[in-house]
Amino acid sequence: MAKLSDMLTRTLAEAAEGLKALEEEVITTCFDPEDPLSVQAAIHYVEDTIDARIARFDGNALVQEAANQIKAECRANILEQVENADVSRGSRTLH
């Protein structure tokens, strides 16, 4: 049976690797700010991309929490661009 310290060390090492993967991810998407379906598709694309990037870290609460925060930031970024009257159409780098 593995010692608690070994399990913790493994969990933290895995979290560090997962957080680095998230940090290195650059997500770009296109959407029409006047089309709600396009906006929702962009949000889903971003969330799916993040989920795919961290899939191998499933079960690591630290990685999952960081991913959820990044998803929320990206979602807010997209919605802010939709609300911004000066939004121009095209690609956006979100994270």
PDB file of N, CA and C in Angstrom:
ATOM      1  N   MET A   1       0.839  -1.181   0.000  1.00  0.00           N
ATOM      2  CA  MET A   1       0.000   0.000   0.000  1.00  0.00           C
ATOM      3  C   MET A   1       0.885   1.245   0.000  1.00  0.00           C
ATOM      4  N   ALA A   2       0.553   2.190  -0.860  1.00  0.00           N
ATOM      5  CA  ALA A   2       1.337   3.412  -0.963  1.00  0.00           C
ATOM      6  C   ALA A   2       1.127   4.277   0.268  1.00  0.00           C
ATOM      7  N   LYS A   3       2.192   4.926   0.635  1.00  0.00           N
ATOM      8  CA  LYS A   3       2.094   5.842   1.769  1.00  0.00           C
ATOM      9  C   LYS A   3       1.350   7.101   1.345  1.00  0.00           C
ATOM     10  N   LEU A   4       0.737   7.737   2.323  1.00  0.00           N
ATOM     11  CA  LEU A   4       0.002   8.972   2.068  1.00  0.00           C
ATOM     12  C   LEU A   4       0.919  10.020   1.446  1.00  0.00           C
ATOM     13  N   SER A   5       2.147  10.110   1.935  1.00  0.00           N
ATOM     14  CA  SER A   5       3.083  11.106   1.396  1.00  0.00           C
ATOM     15  C   SER A   5       3.409  10.816  -0.064  1.00  0.00           C
ATOM     16  N   ASP A   6       3.497   9.535  -0.439  1.00  0.00           N
ATOM     17  CA  ASP A   6       3.745   9.181  -1.840  1.00  0.00           C
ATOM     18  C   ASP A   6       2.565   9.582  -2.721  1.00  0.00           C
ATOM     19  N   MET A   7       1.358   9.342  -2.220  1.00  0.00           N
ATOM     20  CA  MET A   7       0.153   9.697  -2.978  1.00  0.00           C
ATOM     21  C   MET A   7       0.045  11.212  -3.132  1.00  0.00           C
ATOM     22  N   LEU A   8       0.359  11.938  -2.077  1.00  0.00           N
ATOM     23  CA  LEU A   8       0.308  13.396  -2.135  1.00  0.00           C
ATOM     24  C   LEU A   8       1.349  13.931  -3.107  1.00  0.00           C
ATOM     25  N   THR A   9       2.543  13.372  -3.048  1.00  0.00           N
ATOM     26  CA  THR A   9       3.603  13.795  -3.963  1.00  0.00           C
ATOM     27  C   THR A   9       3.195  13.551  -5.410  1.00  0.00           C
ATOM     28  N   ARG A  10       2.600  12.397  -5.675  1.00  0.00           N
ATOM     29  CA  ARG A  10       2.154  12.065  -7.030  1.00  0.00           C
ATOM     30  C   ARG A  10       1.035  13.017  -7.471  1.00  0.00           C
ATOM     31  N   THR A  11       0.101  13.307  -6.582  1.00  0.00           N
ATOM     32  CA  THR A  11      -1.004  14.212  -6.901  1.00  0.00           C
ATOM     33  C   THR A  11      -0.487  15.612  -7.211  1.00  0.00           C
ATOM     34  N   LEU A  12       0.454  16.086  -6.414  1.00  0.00           N
ATOM     35  CA  LEU A  12       1.008  17.424  -6.643  1.00  0.00           C
ATOM     36  C   LEU A  12       1.828  17.489  -7.925  1.00  0.00           C
ATOM     37  N   ALA A  13       2.575  16.434  -8.223  1.00  0.00           N
ATOM     38  CA  ALA A  13       3.353  16.394  -9.465  1.00  0.00           C
ATOM     39  C   ALA A  13       2.419  16.397 -10.667  1.00  0.00           C
ATOM     40  N   GLU A  14       1.357  15.612 -10.578  1.00  0.00           N
ATOM     41  CA  GLU A  14       0.364  15.576 -11.647  1.00  0.00           C
ATOM     42  C   GLU A  14      -0.311  16.937 -11.801  1.00  0.00           C
ATOM     43  N   ALA A  15      -0.628  17.588 -10.692  1.00  0.00           N
ATOM     44  CA  ALA A  15      -1.253  18.909 -10.737  1.00  0.00           C
ATOM     45  C   ALA A  15      -0.329  19.916 -11.403  1.00  0.00           C
ATOM     46  N   ALA A  16       0.960  19.860 -11.074  1.00  0.00           N
ATOM     47  CA  ALA A  16       1.916  20.781 -11.685  1.00  0.00           C
ATOM     48  C   ALA A  16       1.958  20.587 -13.195  1.00  0.00           C
ATOM     49  N   GLU A  17       1.936  19.335 -13.629  1.00  0.00           N
ATOM     50  CA  GLU A  17       1.945  19.038 -15.062  1.00  0.00           C
ATOM     51  C   GLU A  17       0.651  19.521 -15.722  1.00  0.00           C
ATOM     52  N   GLY A  18      -0.483  19.296 -15.069  1.00  0.00           N
ATOM     53  CA  GLY A  18      -1.761  19.741 -15.609  1.00  0.00           C
ATOM     54  C   GLY A  18      -1.869  21.254 -15.681  1.00  0.00           C
ATOM     55  N   LEU A  19      -1.392  21.929 -14.651  1.00  0.00           N
ATOM     56  CA  LEU A  19      -1.435  23.393 -14.645  1.00  0.00           C
ATOM     57  C   LEU A  19      -0.537  23.966 -15.731  1.00  0.00           C
ATOM     58  N   LYS A  20       0.607  23.325 -15.952  1.00  0.00           N
ATOM     59  CA  LYS A  20       1.500  23.779 -17.024  1.00  0.00           C
ATOM     60  C   LYS A  20       0.820  23.598 -18.382  1.00  0.00           C
ATOM     61  N   ALA A  21       0.127  22.467 -18.557  1.00  0.00           N
ATOM     62  CA  ALA A  21      -0.581  22.226 -19.818  1.00  0.00           C
ATOM     63  C   ALA A  21      -1.634  23.303 -20.058  1.00  0.00           C
ATOM     64  N   LEU A  22      -2.336  23.678 -19.009  1.00  0.00           N
ATOM     65  CA  LEU A  22      -3.349  24.733 -19.140  1.00  0.00           C
ATOM     66  C   LEU A  22      -2.704  26.081 -19.436  1.00  0.00           C
ATOM     67  N   GLU A  23      -1.602  26.355 -18.788  1.00  0.00           N
ATOM     68  CA  GLU A  23      -0.915  27.630 -18.981  1.00  0.00           C
ATOM     69  C   GLU A  23      -0.411  27.775 -20.410  1.00  0.00           C
ATOM     70  N   GLU A  24       0.016  26.682 -20.999  1.00  0.00           N
ATOM     71  CA  GLU A  24       0.575  26.718 -22.347  1.00  0.00           C
ATOM     72  C   GLU A  24      -0.490  26.742 -23.444  1.00  0.00           C
ATOM     73  N   GLU A  25      -1.718  26.426 -23.092  1.00  0.00           N
ATOM     74  CA  GLU A  25      -2.798  26.348 -24.084  1.00  0.00           C
ATOM     75  C   GLU A  25      -3.200  27.750 -24.550  1.00  0.00           C
ATOM     76  N   VAL A  26      -3.224  27.935 -25.845  1.00  0.00           N
ATOM     77  CA  VAL A  26      -3.721  29.165 -26.448  1.00  0.00           C
ATOM     78  C   VAL A  26      -4.940  28.777 -27.272  1.00  0.00           C
ATOM     79  N   ILE A  27      -6.065  29.386 -26.956  1.00  0.00           N
ATOM     80  CA  ILE A  27      -7.311  29.032 -27.622  1.00  0.00           C
ATOM     81  C   ILE A  27      -7.786  30.241 -28.412  1.00  0.00           C
ATOM     82  N   THR A  28      -8.000  30.021 -29.688  1.00  0.00           N
ATOM     83  CA  THR A  28      -8.521  31.070 -30.564  1.00  0.00           C
ATOM     84  C   THR A  28      -9.810  30.557 -31.179  1.00  0.00           C
ATOM     85  N   THR A  29     -10.804  31.410 -31.192  1.00  0.00           N
ATOM     86  CA  THR A  29     -12.083  31.028 -31.788  1.00  0.00           C
ATOM     87  C   THR A  29     -12.688  32.214 -32.523  1.00  0.00           C
ATOM     88  N   CYS A  30     -13.564  31.919 -33.438  1.00  0.00           N
ATOM     89  CA  CYS A  30     -14.291  32.958 -34.169  1.00  0.00           C
ATOM     90  C   CYS A  30     -15.763  32.857 -33.785  1.00  0.00           C
ATOM     91  N   PHE A  31     -16.402  34.011 -33.714  1.00  0.00           N
ATOM     92  CA  PHE A  31     -17.839  34.026 -33.450  1.00  0.00           C
ATOM     93  C   PHE A  31     -18.426  35.326 -33.921  1.00  0.00           C
ATOM     94  N   ASP A  32     -19.707  35.272 -34.190  1.00  0.00           N
ATOM     95  CA  ASP A  32     -20.457  36.458 -34.599  1.00  0.00           C
ATOM     96  C   ASP A  32     -21.136  36.993 -33.338  1.00  0.00           C
ATOM     97  N   PRO A  33     -20.717  38.152 -32.842  1.00  0.00           N
ATOM     98  CA  PRO A  33     -21.279  38.678 -31.603  1.00  0.00           C
ATOM     99  C   PRO A  33     -22.775  38.991 -31.687  1.00  0.00           C
ATOM    100  N   GLU A  34     -23.313  39.031 -32.892  1.00  0.00           N
ATOM    101  CA  GLU A  34     -24.735  39.309 -33.061  1.00  0.00           C
ATOM    102  C   GLU A  34     -25.574  38.030 -33.163  1.00  0.00           C
ATOM    103  N   ASP A  35     -24.913  36.877 -33.149  1.00  0.00           N
ATOM    104  CA  ASP A  35     -25.603  35.594 -33.303  1.00  0.00           C
ATOM    105  C   ASP A  35     -25.422  34.769 -32.023  1.00  0.00           C
ATOM    106  N   PRO A  36     -26.482  34.655 -31.214  1.00  0.00           N
ATOM    107  CA  PRO A  36     -26.375  33.911 -29.954  1.00  0.00           C
ATOM    108  C   PRO A  36     -25.902  32.464 -30.129  1.00  0.00           C
ATOM    109  N   LEU A  37     -26.289  31.815 -31.216  1.00  0.00           N
ATOM    110  CA  LEU A  37     -25.831  30.444 -31.449  1.00  0.00           C
ATOM    111  C   LEU A  37     -24.332  30.393 -31.715  1.00  0.00           C
ATOM    112  N   SER A  38     -23.832  31.386 -32.415  1.00  0.00           N
ATOM    113  CA  SER A  38     -22.398  31.475 -32.683  1.00  0.00           C
ATOM    114  C   SER A  38     -21.628  31.706 -31.382  1.00  0.00           C
ATOM    115  N   VAL A  39     -22.165  32.552 -30.539  1.00  0.00           N
ATOM    116  CA  VAL A  39     -21.529  32.841 -29.244  1.00  0.00           C
ATOM    117  C   VAL A  39     -21.501  31.580 -28.386  1.00  0.00           C
ATOM    118  N   GLN A  40     -22.626  30.876 -28.310  1.00  0.00           N
ATOM    119  CA  GLN A  40     -22.677  29.638 -27.527  1.00  0.00           C
ATOM    120  C   GLN A  40     -21.739  28.578 -28.102  1.00  0.00           C
ATOM    121  N   ALA A  41     -21.642  28.509 -29.403  1.00  0.00           N
ATOM    122  CA  ALA A  41     -20.730  27.547 -30.035  1.00  0.00           C
ATOM    123  C   ALA A  41     -19.276  27.875 -29.672  1.00  0.00           C
ATOM    124  N   ALA A  42     -18.942  29.153 -29.634  1.00  0.00           N
ATOM    125  CA  ALA A  42     -17.585  29.554 -29.255  1.00  0.00           C
ATOM    126  C   ALA A  42     -17.289  29.177 -27.808  1.00  0.00           C
ATOM    127  N   ILE A  43     -18.244  29.403 -26.939  1.00  0.00           N
ATOM    128  CA  ILE A  43     -18.072  29.047 -25.520  1.00  0.00           C
ATOM    129  C   ILE A  43     -17.887  27.537 -25.385  1.00  0.00           C
ATOM    130  N   HIS A  44     -18.711  26.764 -26.066  1.00  0.00           N
ATOM    131  CA  HIS A  44     -18.593  25.297 -26.011  1.00  0.00           C
ATOM    132  C   HIS A  44     -17.255  24.833 -26.581  1.00  0.00           C
ATOM    133  N   TYR A  45     -16.825  25.464 -27.659  1.00  0.00           N
ATOM    134  CA  TYR A  45     -15.532  25.107 -28.259  1.00  0.00           C
ATOM    135  C   TYR A  45     -14.401  25.321 -27.256  1.00  0.00           C
ATOM    136  N   VAL A  46     -14.405  26.468 -26.594  1.00  0.00           N
ATOM    137  CA  VAL A  46     -13.365  26.774 -25.609  1.00  0.00           C
ATOM    138  C   VAL A  46     -13.399  25.752 -24.471  1.00  0.00           C
ATOM    139  N   GLU A  47     -14.578  25.496 -23.944  1.00  0.00           N
ATOM    140  CA  GLU A  47     -14.700  24.552 -22.825  1.00  0.00           C
ATOM    141  C   GLU A  47     -14.282  23.147 -23.238  1.00  0.00           C
ATOM    142  N   ASP A  48     -14.670  22.722 -24.436  1.00  0.00           N
ATOM    143  CA  ASP A  48     -14.284  21.400 -24.928  1.00  0.00           C
ATOM    144  C   ASP A  48     -12.776  21.297 -25.139  1.00  0.00           C
ATOM    145  N   THR A  49     -12.163  22.371 -25.630  1.00  0.00           N
ATOM    146  CA  THR A  49     -10.720  22.389 -25.838  1.00  0.00           C
ATOM    147  C   THR A  49      -9.985  22.260 -24.509  1.00  0.00           C
ATOM    148  N   ILE A  50     -10.447  22.977 -23.511  1.00  0.00           N
ATOM    149  CA  ILE A  50      -9.835  22.897 -22.183  1.00  0.00           C
ATOM    150  C   ILE A  50     -10.025  21.498 -21.606  1.00  0.00           C
ATOM    151  N   ASP A  51     -11.228  20.955 -21.712  1.00  0.00           N
ATOM    152  CA  ASP A  51     -11.489  19.603 -21.201  1.00  0.00           C
ATOM    153  C   ASP A  51     -10.587  18.570 -21.873  1.00  0.00           C
ATOM    154  N   ALA A  52     -10.394  18.696 -23.178  1.00  0.00           N
ATOM    155  CA  ALA A  52      -9.533  17.754 -23.899  1.00  0.00           C
ATOM    156  C   ALA A  52      -8.082  17.870 -23.424  1.00  0.00           C
ATOM    157  N   ARG A  53      -7.669  19.086 -23.150  1.00  0.00           N
ATOM    158  CA  ARG A  53      -6.281  19.316 -22.719  1.00  0.00           C
ATOM    159  C   ARG A  53      -6.000  18.678 -21.359  1.00  0.00           C
ATOM    160  N   ILE A  54      -6.993  18.628 -20.492  1.00  0.00           N
ATOM    161  CA  ILE A  54      -6.767  18.102 -19.142  1.00  0.00           C
ATOM    162  C   ILE A  54      -7.359  16.713 -18.931  1.00  0.00           C
ATOM    163  N   ALA A  55      -7.832  16.079 -19.981  1.00  0.00           N
ATOM    164  CA  ALA A  55      -8.489  14.771 -19.843  1.00  0.00           C
ATOM    165  C   ALA A  55      -7.623  13.755 -19.106  1.00  0.00           C
ATOM    166  N   ARG A  56      -6.343  13.754 -19.355  1.00  0.00           N
ATOM    167  CA  ARG A  56      -5.488  12.760 -18.697  1.00  0.00           C
ATOM    168  C   ARG A  56      -5.270  13.040 -17.218  1.00  0.00           C
ATOM    169  N   PHE A  57      -5.726  14.199 -16.749  1.00  0.00           N
ATOM    170  CA  PHE A  57      -5.609  14.552 -15.333  1.00  0.00           C
ATOM    171  C   PHE A  57      -6.948  14.418 -14.616  1.00  0.00           C
ATOM    172  N   ASP A  58      -7.849  13.644 -15.218  1.00  0.00           N
ATOM    173  CA  ASP A  58      -9.170  13.423 -14.632  1.00  0.00           C
ATOM    174  C   ASP A  58      -9.023  12.906 -13.202  1.00  0.00           C
ATOM    175  N   GLY A  59      -9.759  13.504 -12.315  1.00  0.00           N
ATOM    176  CA  GLY A  59      -9.689  13.090 -10.912  1.00  0.00           C
ATOM    177  C   GLY A  59      -8.776  13.955 -10.072  1.00  0.00           C
ATOM    178  N   ASN A  60      -7.991  14.826 -10.696  1.00  0.00           N
ATOM    179  CA  ASN A  60      -7.116  15.713  -9.936  1.00  0.00           C
ATOM    180  C   ASN A  60      -7.882  17.018  -9.694  1.00  0.00           C
ATOM    181  N   ALA A  61      -8.300  17.207  -8.460  1.00  0.00           N
ATOM    182  CA  ALA A  61      -9.144  18.357  -8.105  1.00  0.00           C
ATOM    183  C   ALA A  61      -8.446  19.687  -8.357  1.00  0.00           C
ATOM    184  N   LEU A  62      -7.139  19.737  -8.187  1.00  0.00           N
ATOM    185  CA  LEU A  62      -6.410  20.995  -8.403  1.00  0.00           C
ATOM    186  C   LEU A  62      -6.455  21.404  -9.877  1.00  0.00           C
ATOM    187  N   VAL A  63      -6.244  20.443 -10.743  1.00  0.00           N
ATOM    188  CA  VAL A  63      -6.286  20.719 -12.185  1.00  0.00           C
ATOM    189  C   VAL A  63      -7.707  21.087 -12.598  1.00  0.00           C
ATOM    190  N   GLN A  64      -8.685  20.361 -12.096  1.00  0.00           N
ATOM    191  CA  GLN A  64     -10.078  20.630 -12.446  1.00  0.00           C
ATOM    192  C   GLN A  64     -10.505  22.033 -12.005  1.00  0.00           C
ATOM    193  N   GLU A  65     -10.104  22.431 -10.820  1.00  0.00           N
ATOM    194  CA  GLU A  65     -10.454  23.762 -10.323  1.00  0.00           C
ATOM    195  C   GLU A  65      -9.831  24.854 -11.191  1.00  0.00           C
ATOM    196  N   ALA A  66      -8.566  24.668 -11.556  1.00  0.00           N
ATOM    197  CA  ALA A  66      -7.897  25.640 -12.428  1.00  0.00           C
ATOM    198  C   ALA A  66      -8.595  25.700 -13.785  1.00  0.00           C
ATOM    199  N   ALA A  67      -8.965  24.555 -14.318  1.00  0.00           N
ATOM    200  CA  ALA A  67      -9.658  24.515 -15.607  1.00  0.00           C
ATOM    201  C   ALA A  67     -11.000  25.230 -15.528  1.00  0.00           C
ATOM    202  N   ASN A  68     -11.724  25.007 -14.442  1.00  0.00           N
ATOM    203  CA  ASN A  68     -13.022  25.681 -14.272  1.00  0.00           C
ATOM    204  C   ASN A  68     -12.853  27.193 -14.203  1.00  0.00           C
ATOM    205  N   GLN A  69     -11.814  27.652 -13.553  1.00  0.00           N
ATOM    206  CA  GLN A  69     -11.563  29.098 -13.480  1.00  0.00           C
ATOM    207  C   GLN A  69     -11.215  29.667 -14.854  1.00  0.00           C
ATOM    208  N   ILE A  70     -10.413  28.944 -15.608  1.00  0.00           N
ATOM    209  CA  ILE A  70     -10.047  29.408 -16.950  1.00  0.00           C
ATOM    210  C   ILE A  70     -11.276  29.420 -17.858  1.00  0.00           C
ATOM    211  N   LYS A  71     -12.114  28.394 -17.755  1.00  0.00           N
ATOM    212  CA  LYS A  71     -13.354  28.372 -18.544  1.00  0.00           C
ATOM    213  C   LYS A  71     -14.217  29.582 -18.216  1.00  0.00           C
ATOM    214  N   ALA A  72     -14.340  29.900 -16.945  1.00  0.00           N
ATOM    215  CA  ALA A  72     -15.152  31.047 -16.530  1.00  0.00           C
ATOM    216  C   ALA A  72     -14.566  32.344 -17.067  1.00  0.00           C
ATOM    217  N   GLU A  73     -13.248  32.475 -17.028  1.00  0.00           N
ATOM    218  CA  GLU A  73     -12.592  33.675 -17.555  1.00  0.00           C
ATOM    219  C   GLU A  73     -12.826  33.803 -19.063  1.00  0.00           C
ATOM    220  N   CYS A  74     -12.681  32.695 -19.777  1.00  0.00           N
ATOM    221  CA  CYS A  74     -12.890  32.723 -21.227  1.00  0.00           C
ATOM    222  C   CYS A  74     -14.335  33.037 -21.570  1.00  0.00           C
ATOM    223  N   ARG A  75     -15.270  32.423 -20.847  1.00  0.00           N
ATOM    224  CA  ARG A  75     -16.695  32.690 -21.064  1.00  0.00           C
ATOM    225  C   ARG A  75     -16.985  34.172 -20.842  1.00  0.00           C
ATOM    226  N   ALA A  76     -16.450  34.728 -19.755  1.00  0.00           N
ATOM    227  CA  ALA A  76     -16.646  36.149 -19.453  1.00  0.00           C
ATOM    228  C   ALA A  76     -16.025  37.020 -20.538  1.00  0.00           C
ATOM    229  N   ASN A  77     -14.873  36.611 -21.047  1.00  0.00           N
ATOM    230  CA  ASN A  77     -14.203  37.359 -22.107  1.00  0.00           C
ATOM    231  C   ASN A  77     -15.066  37.392 -23.362  1.00  0.00           C
ATOM    232  N   ILE A  78     -15.614  36.251 -23.729  1.00  0.00           N
ATOM    233  CA  ILE A  78     -16.481  36.197 -24.917  1.00  0.00           C
ATOM    234  C   ILE A  78     -17.713  37.073 -24.712  1.00  0.00           C
ATOM    235  N   LEU A  79     -18.362  36.923 -23.570  1.00  0.00           N
ATOM    236  CA  LEU A  79     -19.578  37.701 -23.315  1.00  0.00           C
ATOM    237  C   LEU A  79     -19.290  39.195 -23.217  1.00  0.00           C
ATOM    238  N   GLU A  80     -18.132  39.552 -22.701  1.00  0.00           N
ATOM    239  CA  GLU A  80     -17.744  40.966 -22.650  1.00  0.00           C
ATOM    240  C   GLU A  80     -17.566  41.518 -24.060  1.00  0.00           C
ATOM    241  N   GLN A  81     -16.973  40.717 -24.931  1.00  0.00           N
ATOM    242  CA  GLN A  81     -16.794  41.155 -26.314  1.00  0.00           C
ATOM    243  C   GLN A  81     -18.141  41.315 -27.022  1.00  0.00           C
ATOM    244  N   VAL A  82     -19.086  40.444 -26.677  1.00  0.00           N
ATOM    245  CA  VAL A  82     -20.422  40.555 -27.260  1.00  0.00           C
ATOM    246  C   VAL A  82     -21.078  41.859 -26.822  1.00  0.00           C
ATOM    247  N   GLU A  83     -20.919  42.192 -25.555  1.00  0.00           N
ATOM    248  CA  GLU A  83     -21.551  43.399 -25.016  1.00  0.00           C
ATOM    249  C   GLU A  83     -20.848  44.682 -25.447  1.00  0.00           C
ATOM    250  N   ASN A  84     -19.600  44.578 -25.793  1.00  0.00           N
ATOM    251  CA  ASN A  84     -18.819  45.749 -26.159  1.00  0.00           C
ATOM    252  C   ASN A  84     -19.274  46.265 -27.531  1.00  0.00           C
ATOM    253  N   ALA A  85     -19.680  47.496 -27.569  1.00  0.00           N
ATOM    254  CA  ALA A  85     -20.190  48.083 -28.820  1.00  0.00           C
ATOM    255  C   ALA A  85     -19.112  48.198 -29.887  1.00  0.00           C
ATOM    256  N   ASP A  86     -17.856  48.186 -29.489  1.00  0.00           N
ATOM    257  CA  ASP A  86     -16.763  48.336 -30.444  1.00  0.00           C
ATOM    258  C   ASP A  86     -16.220  47.005 -30.950  1.00  0.00           C
ATOM    259  N   VAL A  87     -16.956  45.917 -30.701  1.00  0.00           N
ATOM    260  CA  VAL A  87     -16.480  44.602 -31.112  1.00  0.00           C
ATOM    261  C   VAL A  87     -16.413  44.542 -32.633  1.00  0.00           C
ATOM    262  N   SER A  88     -15.294  44.093 -33.113  1.00  0.00           N
ATOM    263  CA  SER A  88     -15.190  43.838 -34.551  1.00  0.00           C
ATOM    264  C   SER A  88     -15.158  42.330 -34.748  1.00  0.00           C
ATOM    265  N   ARG A  89     -15.639  41.879 -35.837  1.00  0.00           N
ATOM    266  CA  ARG A  89     -15.717  40.440 -36.096  1.00  0.00           C
ATOM    267  C   ARG A  89     -14.337  39.892 -36.406  1.00  0.00           C
ATOM    268  N   GLY A  90     -14.168  38.606 -36.103  1.00  0.00           N
ATOM    269  CA  GLY A  90     -12.923  37.926 -36.431  1.00  0.00           C
ATOM    270  C   GLY A  90     -12.454  37.032 -35.307  1.00  0.00           C
ATOM    271  N   SER A  91     -11.224  36.604 -35.411  1.00  0.00           N
ATOM    272  CA  SER A  91     -10.641  35.684 -34.430  1.00  0.00           C
ATOM    273  C   SER A  91     -10.304  36.411 -33.145  1.00  0.00           C
ATOM    274  N   ARG A  92     -10.412  35.688 -32.055  1.00  0.00           N
ATOM    275  CA  ARG A  92     -10.097  36.226 -30.733  1.00  0.00           C
ATOM    276  C   ARG A  92      -9.186  35.244 -30.021  1.00  0.00           C
ATOM    277  N   THR A  93      -8.116  35.723 -29.413  1.00  0.00           N
ATOM    278  CA  THR A  93      -7.309  34.904 -28.536  1.00  0.00           C
ATOM    279  C   THR A  93      -7.874  35.082 -27.142  1.00  0.00           C
ATOM    280  N   LEU A  94      -8.268  33.987 -26.519  1.00  0.00           N
ATOM    281  CA  LEU A  94      -8.994  34.053 -25.258  1.00  0.00           C
ATOM    282  C   LEU A  94      -8.158  33.671 -24.057  1.00  0.00           C
ATOM    283  N   HIS A  95      -7.176  32.826 -24.248  1.00  0.00           N
ATOM    284  CA  HIS A  95      -6.339  32.417 -23.114  1.00  0.00           C
ATOM    285  C   HIS A  95      -4.970  32.056 -23.629  1.00  0.00           C
TER     286      HIS A  95
END
